[in-house]
Amino acid sequence: MGTRILRTMSLRARLLTALCLALFVTIGCGGEPPDKEMQQAQGALDAARAAGADKYATEEFSAATLALTNAKEAVDQRDYRLALNHALDSRERAQNAAKMAADGKATARTEADRAINAAQAEINAAEARVKTAETGKATRSLDGPRRAIGTAQAALQEARADFERGEYLGIPAKARAATASLTAASKELDAAGVTPARRRR
């Protein structure tokens, strides 16, 4: 009788241990995949990309993308608790990236506008010098400076087209490239005896 009771108690203990172990594994793995949170993270990433975060908040956007990738890998490994943490991190980072993108885009727009205006001012100054040479006594041909000004105007027009499309990041470099040819034109105008116009204070 006592042996039977002991066997019964031993069996119950083993069953209880197995049940606890199964429960521990279930809790440790988070129960089930965090599909809802992962979908929310993907939606936040899509919204951030639409806001330009992949261009204007690249570091935070990349971190959000990596976190979602890590969440998917954790699901494959059936570590649902870790997957949930990564999914929540991804969603938060993506939302932050979208906010940062708005500020970054505004800053890039300001810098692009400033670069275009600076390039236009250089072109205007070169045109004024050519005009002065045409009405004065230039000692050399002005064909070179005229071509340089035309090239600069065409290049700057491309930068303006980018501005209209909202593609601000590459504009400062394009604006600088647009006026690069004016350096040689300025030297030719110096050789032609045309002095730069004095700026008003």
Foldseek 3Di string as FASTA:
>chain_A
DVVVVVVVVVVVVVVVVVVVVVVVVCVQLPNAAPVVLLVLLVVLLVLLVVLVLVPQVVVLSVQLVVLSVVLVVSVVVSNRVSSNVSSNSSNVSSNVSSVRSVVSLVVLLVVLVVLLVVLVVLLVQLVVLVVVCVPDPFPDDLPQSVVLSVQLVVLSVVLVVCSVVSNRNCRNVSSVVSCPSVVVSVVSSVVRVGDGDDDDD
